[in-house]
């Protein structure tokens, strides 16, 4: 929410879980995923299933060379660091 409110868009989220948890894990009582419950950000956030190991450098490379190739600015943020 914070980054979208500041105007960052699109935001690419790479999910390296085997089962694509961010898109497939029930988040609400109607078994919708986190992404499905957030229609307000679906135009700004792209979920990308990326089940590789190790994931960090290949995901960064894919983002820079493919997904955000036409973007003016790119910030690479690892959520657990």
N, C-alpha and C. Protein backbone atom coordinates (compact mmCIF):
# COMPACT_ATOMS: atom_id res chain seq x y z
N UNK A 1 0.82 -1.19 0.00
CA UNK A 1 0.00 0.00 0.00
C UNK A 1 0.87 1.26 0.00
N UNK A 2 1.92 1.26 0.81
CA UNK A 2 2.77 2.44 0.95
C UNK A 2 3.41 2.82 -0.39
N UNK A 3 4.02 1.85 -1.05
CA UNK A 3 4.72 2.14 -2.30
C UNK A 3 3.76 2.53 -3.42
N UNK A 4 2.60 1.89 -3.47
CA UNK A 4 1.58 2.27 -4.46
C UNK A 4 1.10 3.69 -4.20
N UNK A 5 0.88 4.03 -2.93
CA UNK A 5 0.43 5.38 -2.57
C UNK A 5 1.46 6.44 -2.98
N UNK A 6 2.73 6.07 -2.97
CA UNK A 6 3.77 7.01 -3.39
C UNK A 6 3.89 7.13 -4.90
N UNK A 7 3.19 6.25 -5.62
CA UNK A 7 3.20 6.33 -7.08
C UNK A 7 4.05 5.29 -7.77
N UNK A 8 4.63 4.36 -7.02
CA UNK A 8 5.42 3.30 -7.64
C UNK A 8 4.48 2.31 -8.31
N UNK A 9 4.69 2.09 -9.60
CA UNK A 9 3.86 1.16 -10.34
C UNK A 9 4.51 0.93 -11.70
N UNK A 10 4.58 -0.27 -12.16
CA UNK A 10 4.13 -1.49 -11.50
C UNK A 10 5.14 -1.97 -10.46
N UNK A 11 4.65 -2.78 -9.56
CA UNK A 11 5.48 -3.45 -8.57
C UNK A 11 5.47 -4.93 -8.90
N UNK A 12 6.65 -5.51 -9.03
CA UNK A 12 6.78 -6.93 -9.35
C UNK A 12 7.13 -7.68 -8.08
N UNK A 13 6.34 -8.69 -7.76
CA UNK A 13 6.62 -9.54 -6.61
C UNK A 13 6.91 -10.94 -7.13
N UNK A 14 8.10 -11.43 -6.84
CA UNK A 14 8.51 -12.77 -7.28
C UNK A 14 8.31 -13.74 -6.13
N UNK A 15 7.45 -14.70 -6.33
CA UNK A 15 7.16 -15.72 -5.32
C UNK A 15 7.90 -16.98 -5.71
N UNK A 16 8.90 -17.37 -4.90
CA UNK A 16 9.69 -18.54 -5.25
C UNK A 16 9.21 -19.82 -4.57
N UNK A 17 8.04 -19.79 -3.96
CA UNK A 17 7.49 -21.02 -3.38
C UNK A 17 7.06 -21.98 -4.49
N UNK A 18 7.20 -23.25 -4.25
CA UNK A 18 6.82 -24.26 -5.24
C UNK A 18 5.33 -24.15 -5.59
N UNK A 19 4.50 -23.94 -4.58
CA UNK A 19 3.05 -23.94 -4.78
C UNK A 19 2.47 -22.55 -5.06
N UNK A 20 3.30 -21.55 -5.33
CA UNK A 20 2.87 -20.18 -5.64
C UNK A 20 1.93 -19.67 -4.55
N UNK A 21 2.46 -19.61 -3.33
CA UNK A 21 1.68 -19.30 -2.13
C UNK A 21 0.93 -17.97 -2.19
N UNK A 22 1.54 -16.93 -2.70
CA UNK A 22 0.86 -15.63 -2.71
C UNK A 22 -0.39 -15.63 -3.59
N UNK A 23 -0.40 -16.48 -4.58
CA UNK A 23 -1.55 -16.52 -5.48
C UNK A 23 -2.54 -17.64 -5.13
N UNK A 24 -2.08 -18.66 -4.43
CA UNK A 24 -2.93 -19.84 -4.23
C UNK A 24 -3.33 -20.13 -2.79
N UNK A 25 -2.70 -19.51 -1.81
CA UNK A 25 -3.03 -19.79 -0.42
C UNK A 25 -4.26 -18.99 -0.01
N UNK A 26 -5.30 -19.66 0.51
CA UNK A 26 -6.49 -18.92 0.96
C UNK A 26 -6.13 -17.89 2.03
N UNK A 27 -6.65 -16.70 1.84
CA UNK A 27 -6.35 -15.59 2.74
C UNK A 27 -7.60 -15.13 3.48
N UNK A 28 -8.76 -15.40 2.92
CA UNK A 28 -10.00 -14.93 3.52
C UNK A 28 -10.99 -16.09 3.66
N UNK A 29 -12.10 -15.82 4.27
CA UNK A 29 -13.09 -16.86 4.53
C UNK A 29 -13.70 -17.43 3.24
N UNK A 30 -13.61 -16.71 2.14
CA UNK A 30 -14.17 -17.24 0.89
C UNK A 30 -13.11 -17.93 0.02
N UNK A 31 -11.98 -18.29 0.64
CA UNK A 31 -10.88 -19.01 0.00
C UNK A 31 -10.18 -18.22 -1.11
N UNK A 32 -10.30 -16.93 -1.09
CA UNK A 32 -9.58 -16.09 -2.04
C UNK A 32 -8.15 -15.89 -1.57
N UNK A 33 -7.23 -15.77 -2.52
CA UNK A 33 -5.84 -15.50 -2.17
C UNK A 33 -5.68 -14.04 -1.77
N UNK A 34 -4.52 -13.73 -1.20
CA UNK A 34 -4.22 -12.33 -0.83
C UNK A 34 -4.39 -11.42 -2.05
N UNK A 35 -3.85 -11.83 -3.17
CA UNK A 35 -3.91 -11.01 -4.38
C UNK A 35 -5.35 -10.83 -4.86
N UNK A 36 -6.14 -11.88 -4.82
CA UNK A 36 -7.54 -11.80 -5.27
C UNK A 36 -8.37 -10.88 -4.38
N UNK A 37 -8.03 -10.78 -3.11
CA UNK A 37 -8.79 -9.92 -2.20
C UNK A 37 -8.45 -8.45 -2.38
N UNK A 38 -7.36 -8.15 -3.08
CA UNK A 38 -6.89 -6.77 -3.23
C UNK A 38 -7.10 -6.24 -4.64
N UNK A 39 -8.34 -6.12 -5.05
CA UNK A 39 -8.65 -5.60 -6.38
C UNK A 39 -8.13 -4.17 -6.56
N UNK A 40 -7.98 -3.45 -5.46
CA UNK A 40 -7.51 -2.07 -5.53
C UNK A 40 -6.06 -1.94 -5.99
N UNK A 41 -5.27 -3.00 -5.88
CA UNK A 41 -3.86 -2.90 -6.29
C UNK A 41 -3.51 -3.77 -7.48
N UNK A 42 -4.46 -4.49 -8.02
CA UNK A 42 -4.15 -5.43 -9.11
C UNK A 42 -3.64 -4.73 -10.37
N UNK A 43 -3.96 -3.47 -10.56
CA UNK A 43 -3.42 -2.74 -11.70
C UNK A 43 -1.98 -2.30 -11.47
N UNK A 44 -1.52 -2.37 -10.22
CA UNK A 44 -0.19 -1.88 -9.87
C UNK A 44 0.79 -2.98 -9.50
N UNK A 45 0.30 -4.13 -9.07
CA UNK A 45 1.16 -5.20 -8.57
C UNK A 45 1.07 -6.41 -9.49
N UNK A 46 2.22 -6.92 -9.88
CA UNK A 46 2.30 -8.12 -10.71
C UNK A 46 2.94 -9.24 -9.89
N UNK A 47 2.22 -10.34 -9.73
CA UNK A 47 2.77 -11.51 -9.06
C UNK A 47 3.41 -12.41 -10.10
N UNK A 48 4.63 -12.83 -9.83
CA UNK A 48 5.36 -13.68 -10.77
C UNK A 48 5.82 -14.93 -10.02
N UNK A 49 5.39 -16.08 -10.51
CA UNK A 49 5.81 -17.35 -9.93
C UNK A 49 7.23 -17.62 -10.42
N UNK A 50 8.15 -17.76 -9.48
CA UNK A 50 9.57 -17.88 -9.82
C UNK A 50 10.22 -18.92 -8.90
N UNK A 51 9.84 -20.20 -9.06
CA UNK A 51 10.32 -21.24 -8.13
C UNK A 51 11.73 -21.73 -8.43
N UNK A 52 12.69 -20.84 -8.39
CA UNK A 52 14.08 -21.21 -8.61
C UNK A 52 14.86 -21.15 -7.31
N UNK A 53 15.94 -21.88 -7.27
CA UNK A 53 16.80 -21.86 -6.09
C UNK A 53 18.25 -21.92 -6.55
N UNK A 54 19.11 -21.01 -6.14
CA UNK A 54 18.79 -19.81 -5.38
C UNK A 54 17.99 -18.84 -6.24
N UNK A 55 17.27 -17.97 -5.58
CA UNK A 55 16.32 -17.13 -6.31
C UNK A 55 16.74 -15.68 -6.46
N UNK A 56 17.48 -15.15 -5.51
CA UNK A 56 17.68 -13.70 -5.47
C UNK A 56 18.31 -13.13 -6.75
N UNK A 57 19.48 -13.57 -7.13
CA UNK A 57 20.13 -13.00 -8.30
C UNK A 57 19.38 -13.28 -9.60
N UNK A 58 18.89 -14.52 -9.82
CA UNK A 58 18.10 -14.74 -11.05
C UNK A 58 16.83 -13.89 -11.11
N UNK A 59 16.18 -13.68 -9.98
CA UNK A 59 14.98 -12.83 -9.96
C UNK A 59 15.35 -11.39 -10.27
N UNK A 60 16.44 -10.89 -9.71
CA UNK A 60 16.89 -9.53 -10.00
C UNK A 60 17.18 -9.38 -11.50
N UNK A 61 17.89 -10.36 -12.06
CA UNK A 61 18.23 -10.31 -13.48
C UNK A 61 16.97 -10.31 -14.35
N UNK A 62 16.01 -11.17 -14.01
CA UNK A 62 14.77 -11.21 -14.79
C UNK A 62 14.04 -9.87 -14.71
N UNK A 63 13.99 -9.31 -13.54
CA UNK A 63 13.30 -8.03 -13.36
C UNK A 63 13.94 -6.95 -14.23
N UNK A 64 15.24 -6.83 -14.15
CA UNK A 64 15.95 -5.77 -14.87
C UNK A 64 15.92 -5.99 -16.38
N UNK A 65 16.13 -7.22 -16.81
CA UNK A 65 16.26 -7.50 -18.23
C UNK A 65 14.94 -7.75 -18.95
N UNK A 66 13.89 -8.12 -18.19
CA UNK A 66 12.63 -8.48 -18.86
C UNK A 66 11.42 -7.70 -18.33
N UNK A 67 11.09 -7.90 -17.08
CA UNK A 67 9.83 -7.37 -16.55
C UNK A 67 9.83 -5.85 -16.42
N UNK A 68 10.91 -5.28 -15.94
CA UNK A 68 10.97 -3.82 -15.75
C UNK A 68 11.89 -3.16 -16.77
N UNK A 69 12.08 -3.81 -17.88
CA UNK A 69 13.02 -3.33 -18.90
C UNK A 69 12.72 -1.91 -19.36
N UNK A 70 11.46 -1.55 -19.47
CA UNK A 70 11.08 -0.23 -19.97
C UNK A 70 10.85 0.79 -18.85
N UNK A 71 11.11 0.39 -17.62
CA UNK A 71 10.91 1.30 -16.48
C UNK A 71 12.05 2.29 -16.38
N UNK A 72 11.74 3.48 -15.92
CA UNK A 72 12.77 4.51 -15.72
C UNK A 72 13.59 4.21 -14.48
N UNK A 73 12.92 3.78 -13.40
CA UNK A 73 13.59 3.47 -12.15
C UNK A 73 13.19 2.08 -11.69
N UNK A 74 14.13 1.40 -11.04
CA UNK A 74 13.85 0.07 -10.48
C UNK A 74 14.52 0.00 -9.11
N UNK A 75 13.75 -0.43 -8.12
CA UNK A 75 14.31 -0.70 -6.79
C UNK A 75 14.17 -2.20 -6.53
N UNK A 76 15.25 -2.82 -6.13
CA UNK A 76 15.24 -4.25 -5.86
C UNK A 76 15.27 -4.42 -4.34
N UNK A 77 14.18 -4.93 -3.79
CA UNK A 77 14.04 -5.03 -2.35
C UNK A 77 13.78 -6.49 -1.98
N UNK A 78 14.62 -7.03 -1.11
CA UNK A 78 14.42 -8.39 -0.61
C UNK A 78 13.73 -8.27 0.73
N UNK A 79 12.55 -8.84 0.86
CA UNK A 79 11.73 -8.61 2.05
C UNK A 79 12.31 -9.18 3.33
N UNK A 80 13.24 -10.12 3.24
CA UNK A 80 13.78 -10.68 4.48
C UNK A 80 15.17 -10.14 4.83
N UNK A 81 15.56 -9.06 4.21
CA UNK A 81 16.86 -8.44 4.54
C UNK A 81 16.66 -7.02 5.03
